[in-house]
Amino acid sequence: MTTQYGFFIDSSRCTGCKTCELACKD
């Protein structure tokens, strides 16, 4: 649940680093 929430925050200020995608896969 925490990872998904973090993904939404990251996508709103995305820099294209894909870190949020890796976090979600984890």
Protein backbone atom coordinates (compact mmCIF):
# COMPACT_ATOMS: atom_id res chain seq x y z
CA MET A 1 0.00 0.00 0.00
CA THR A 2 2.82 2.40 0.86
CA THR A 3 4.56 1.71 -2.44
CA GLN A 4 1.42 2.46 -4.45
CA TYR A 5 0.90 5.72 -2.58
CA GLY A 6 4.50 6.69 -3.26
CA PHE A 7 3.95 5.94 -6.95
CA PHE A 8 1.10 8.44 -7.18
CA ILE A 9 3.22 11.13 -5.52
CA ASP A 10 6.18 10.38 -7.81
CA SER A 11 4.09 10.42 -10.98
CA SER A 12 2.86 13.94 -10.21
CA ARG A 13 6.47 15.17 -10.20
CA CYS A 14 7.99 12.57 -12.51
CA THR A 15 11.46 13.15 -13.94
CA GLY A 16 11.50 9.96 -15.99
CA CYS A 17 13.96 8.23 -13.63
CA LYS A 18 11.73 5.11 -13.37
CA THR A 19 12.54 4.76 -9.66
CA CYS A 20 8.82 4.71 -8.89
CA GLU A 21 8.33 1.82 -11.35
CA LEU A 22 11.10 -0.17 -9.68
CA ALA A 23 9.60 0.55 -6.26
CA CYS A 24 6.20 -0.68 -7.43
CA LYS A 25 7.68 -3.91 -8.84
CA ASP A 26 9.36 -4.50 -5.49
